[in-house]
């Protein structure tokens, strides 16, 4: 893997939030941690003008995106899908192409299904993928662990919320730094 894949710069990044939906989230033991970390990332995206794409897997069955995340977004226009891999939905590919970013900050549910398949799809399409391990989850720990290992082996960068935030900020002393550092304390 090229060293450049490990760097995140705000002008190159897009945040993708996969399927953090009401009925799915209730089954997740790490729900609150994942939502809290996604909220940190959404705040950073807003401050740093990073686009956000959000998906919903079969919302008629799994419900809408959880209210905490919906309420934190500047605009809520989820990409509905039935494919597990977000890249299997043309609207997702079109919206991703329209933002023109090649580095994807990937979050969501479940790590070993939709997040994993989306990671592989994005890597196949030539994107650099940063999987935020404390902003993804699965119902079972062994499935989560398998998903993380699989994505790392495939070429995804496994990272965490604070690493992403500080890479995007690049330096201390800015107004954005002050706002985000207060959030994570």
Protein backbone atom coordinates (compact mmCIF):
# COMPACT_ATOMS: atom_id res chain seq x y z
CA UNK A 1 0.00 0.00 0.00
CA UNK A 2 1.26 3.46 -0.87
CA UNK A 3 2.06 5.71 2.13
CA UNK A 4 -0.20 8.43 0.68
CA UNK A 5 -3.20 6.16 1.32
CA UNK A 6 -2.66 6.64 5.06
CA UNK A 7 -2.99 10.43 4.98
CA UNK A 8 -6.34 12.19 5.19
CA UNK A 9 -6.71 15.77 4.02
CA UNK A 10 -10.02 17.58 4.27
CA UNK A 11 -10.01 18.61 0.62
CA UNK A 12 -9.76 14.96 -0.49
CA UNK A 13 -12.23 13.36 1.93
CA UNK A 14 -15.86 12.28 1.98
CA UNK A 15 -17.64 10.79 5.02
CA UNK A 16 -19.84 7.76 4.27
CA UNK A 17 -22.29 6.58 6.94
CA UNK A 18 -23.69 3.13 6.13
CA UNK A 19 -27.07 1.96 7.44
CA UNK A 20 -27.20 3.28 11.01
CA UNK A 21 -30.94 2.64 11.14
CA UNK A 22 -33.42 2.30 13.99
CA UNK A 23 -34.24 -1.43 13.80
CA UNK A 24 -30.68 -2.45 12.99
CA UNK A 25 -29.12 -0.25 15.66
CA UNK A 26 -31.25 -1.71 18.46
CA UNK A 27 -29.48 -5.06 17.96
CA UNK A 28 -26.01 -3.54 18.36
CA UNK A 29 -24.28 -3.62 21.74
CA UNK A 30 -21.93 -0.79 20.66
CA UNK A 31 -24.76 1.41 19.32
CA UNK A 32 -24.14 4.44 21.56
CA UNK A 33 -20.36 4.48 21.03
CA UNK A 34 -20.76 4.22 17.26
CA UNK A 35 -23.40 6.94 17.15
CA UNK A 36 -21.34 9.24 19.39
CA UNK A 37 -18.27 8.80 17.20
CA UNK A 38 -20.29 9.35 14.03
CA UNK A 39 -21.59 12.57 15.58
CA UNK A 40 -17.99 13.73 16.15
CA UNK A 41 -17.22 12.98 12.50
CA UNK A 42 -20.39 14.73 11.28
CA UNK A 43 -19.43 17.82 13.31
CA UNK A 44 -15.94 17.76 11.78
CA UNK A 45 -17.41 17.33 8.30
CA UNK A 46 -19.61 20.38 8.81
CA UNK A 47 -16.79 22.53 10.14
CA UNK A 48 -14.31 21.46 7.47
CA UNK A 49 -16.76 21.37 4.55
CA UNK A 50 -16.40 17.63 3.96
CA UNK A 51 -19.31 16.06 2.09
CA UNK A 52 -21.39 13.40 3.85
CA UNK A 53 -23.18 10.51 2.14
CA UNK A 54 -25.63 8.44 4.13
CA UNK A 55 -27.24 5.14 3.15
CA UNK A 56 -30.22 3.15 4.35
CA UNK A 57 -30.61 -0.58 3.74
CA UNK A 58 -34.24 -1.42 2.92
CA UNK A 59 -35.74 1.34 5.12
CA UNK A 60 -39.26 -0.17 4.90
CA UNK A 61 -37.94 -3.09 6.93
CA UNK A 62 -35.11 -1.57 8.97
CA UNK A 63 -36.55 1.89 9.51
CA UNK A 64 -34.91 5.27 8.94
CA UNK A 65 -31.52 6.49 10.10
CA UNK A 66 -31.43 6.97 13.88
CA UNK A 67 -32.68 10.38 14.93
CA UNK A 68 -29.40 11.44 16.58
CA UNK A 69 -27.62 11.23 13.24
CA UNK A 70 -30.48 12.62 11.15
CA UNK A 71 -30.73 15.64 13.44
CA UNK A 72 -26.97 16.32 13.25
CA UNK A 73 -26.86 16.49 9.46
CA UNK A 74 -27.15 19.78 7.59
CA UNK A 75 -29.31 17.98 5.06
CA UNK A 76 -30.85 14.53 5.19
CA UNK A 77 -31.17 12.78 1.82
CA UNK A 78 -30.39 9.11 2.44
CA UNK A 79 -29.49 6.83 -0.42
CA UNK A 80 -31.90 3.91 -0.19
CA UNK A 81 -30.45 0.57 -1.17
CA UNK A 82 -31.07 -3.14 -1.22
CA UNK A 83 -27.53 -4.13 -2.23
CA UNK A 84 -25.31 -4.80 0.75
CA UNK A 85 -22.41 -3.11 -1.08
CA UNK A 86 -23.24 0.59 -1.43
CA UNK A 87 -21.32 0.50 -4.72
CA UNK A 88 -24.05 -1.82 -6.01
CA UNK A 89 -26.47 1.14 -6.05
CA UNK A 90 -26.13 3.55 -8.97
CA UNK A 91 -27.34 6.54 -6.94
CA UNK A 92 -24.53 6.00 -4.44
CA UNK A 93 -21.96 5.82 -7.23
CA UNK A 94 -23.42 8.94 -8.86
CA UNK A 95 -23.37 10.95 -5.61
CA UNK A 96 -19.87 9.75 -4.77
CA UNK A 97 -18.68 10.77 -8.25
CA UNK A 98 -20.38 14.15 -7.92
CA UNK A 99 -18.40 15.04 -4.77
CA UNK A 100 -15.16 14.12 -6.54
CA UNK A 101 -13.31 12.82 -3.47
CA UNK A 102 -11.06 9.72 -3.56
CA UNK A 103 -10.52 9.24 0.19
CA UNK A 104 -13.51 7.71 1.95
CA UNK A 105 -14.00 7.84 5.72
CA UNK A 106 -16.21 4.78 6.23
CA UNK A 107 -18.55 4.23 9.19
CA UNK A 108 -21.71 2.23 9.86
CA UNK A 109 -23.41 -1.09 10.49
CA UNK A 110 -22.71 -3.99 10.21
CA UNK A 111 -18.93 -4.22 10.01
CA UNK A 112 -18.82 -7.68 8.44
CA UNK A 113 -21.64 -7.17 5.91
CA UNK A 114 -22.52 -3.77 4.38
CA UNK A 115 -19.46 -1.90 5.65
CA UNK A 116 -17.11 -4.68 4.50
CA UNK A 117 -18.71 -5.08 1.08
CA UNK A 118 -18.74 -1.30 0.57
CA UNK A 119 -15.07 -1.10 1.56
CA UNK A 120 -14.17 -3.77 -1.00
CA UNK A 121 -16.29 -2.05 -3.65
CA UNK A 122 -14.63 1.31 -2.99
CA UNK A 123 -11.14 -0.20 -3.02
CA UNK A 124 -11.92 -1.97 -6.30
CA UNK A 125 -13.01 1.40 -7.73
CA UNK A 126 -9.65 2.95 -6.76
CA UNK A 127 -10.65 4.81 -3.59
CA UNK A 128 -8.53 4.98 -0.47
CA UNK A 129 -10.78 3.76 2.37
CA UNK A 130 -10.33 4.71 6.03
CA UNK A 131 -12.50 2.39 8.15
CA UNK A 132 -13.20 4.05 11.49
CA UNK A 133 -13.11 1.04 13.81
CA UNK A 134 -14.84 2.79 16.72
CA UNK A 135 -17.59 4.06 14.39
CA UNK A 136 -18.56 0.65 12.99
CA UNK A 137 -20.09 -2.35 14.73
CA UNK A 138 -21.65 -5.79 14.37
CA UNK A 139 -23.98 -7.73 16.62
CA UNK A 140 -21.28 -10.28 17.46
CA UNK A 141 -17.69 -9.47 18.43
CA UNK A 142 -16.23 -12.24 16.26
CA UNK A 143 -18.08 -10.88 13.21
CA UNK A 144 -16.77 -7.37 13.95
CA UNK A 145 -13.21 -8.70 14.36
CA UNK A 146 -13.46 -10.69 11.14
CA UNK A 147 -14.77 -7.67 9.24
CA UNK A 148 -11.96 -5.41 10.48
CA UNK A 149 -9.28 -7.99 9.67
CA UNK A 150 -10.79 -8.65 6.23
CA UNK A 151 -10.85 -4.93 5.34
CA UNK A 152 -7.28 -4.44 6.55
CA UNK A 153 -6.11 -7.41 4.47
CA UNK A 154 -7.95 -6.02 1.44
CA UNK A 155 -6.11 -2.69 1.70
CA UNK A 156 -8.39 -0.57 3.86
CA UNK A 157 -6.78 1.74 6.42
CA UNK A 158 -8.10 0.81 9.87
CA UNK A 159 -8.25 3.92 12.02
CA UNK A 160 -10.22 5.52 14.85
CA UNK A 161 -12.31 8.64 15.31
CA UNK A 162 -9.63 10.75 17.01
CA UNK A 163 -7.00 9.84 14.43
CA UNK A 164 -9.36 10.91 11.65
CA UNK A 165 -10.25 14.16 13.42
CA UNK A 166 -6.65 15.17 14.05
CA UNK A 167 -5.54 14.21 10.53
CA UNK A 168 -8.29 16.38 9.08
CA UNK A 169 -7.48 19.27 11.43
CA UNK A 170 -3.73 19.10 10.66
CA UNK A 171 -2.82 21.61 13.38
CA UNK A 172 -3.88 23.04 16.74
CA UNK A 173 -4.90 26.59 17.45
CA UNK A 174 -7.67 26.91 14.87
CA UNK A 175 -11.32 27.54 15.69
CA UNK A 176 -12.17 24.08 14.29
CA UNK A 177 -9.55 22.53 16.59
CA UNK A 178 -11.06 24.26 19.63
CA UNK A 179 -14.58 23.08 18.78
CA UNK A 180 -13.61 19.49 18.06
CA UNK A 181 -11.22 19.12 21.00
CA UNK A 182 -14.04 20.17 23.35
CA UNK A 183 -16.33 17.56 21.78
CA UNK A 184 -13.98 14.64 22.39
CA UNK A 185 -13.01 15.46 25.97
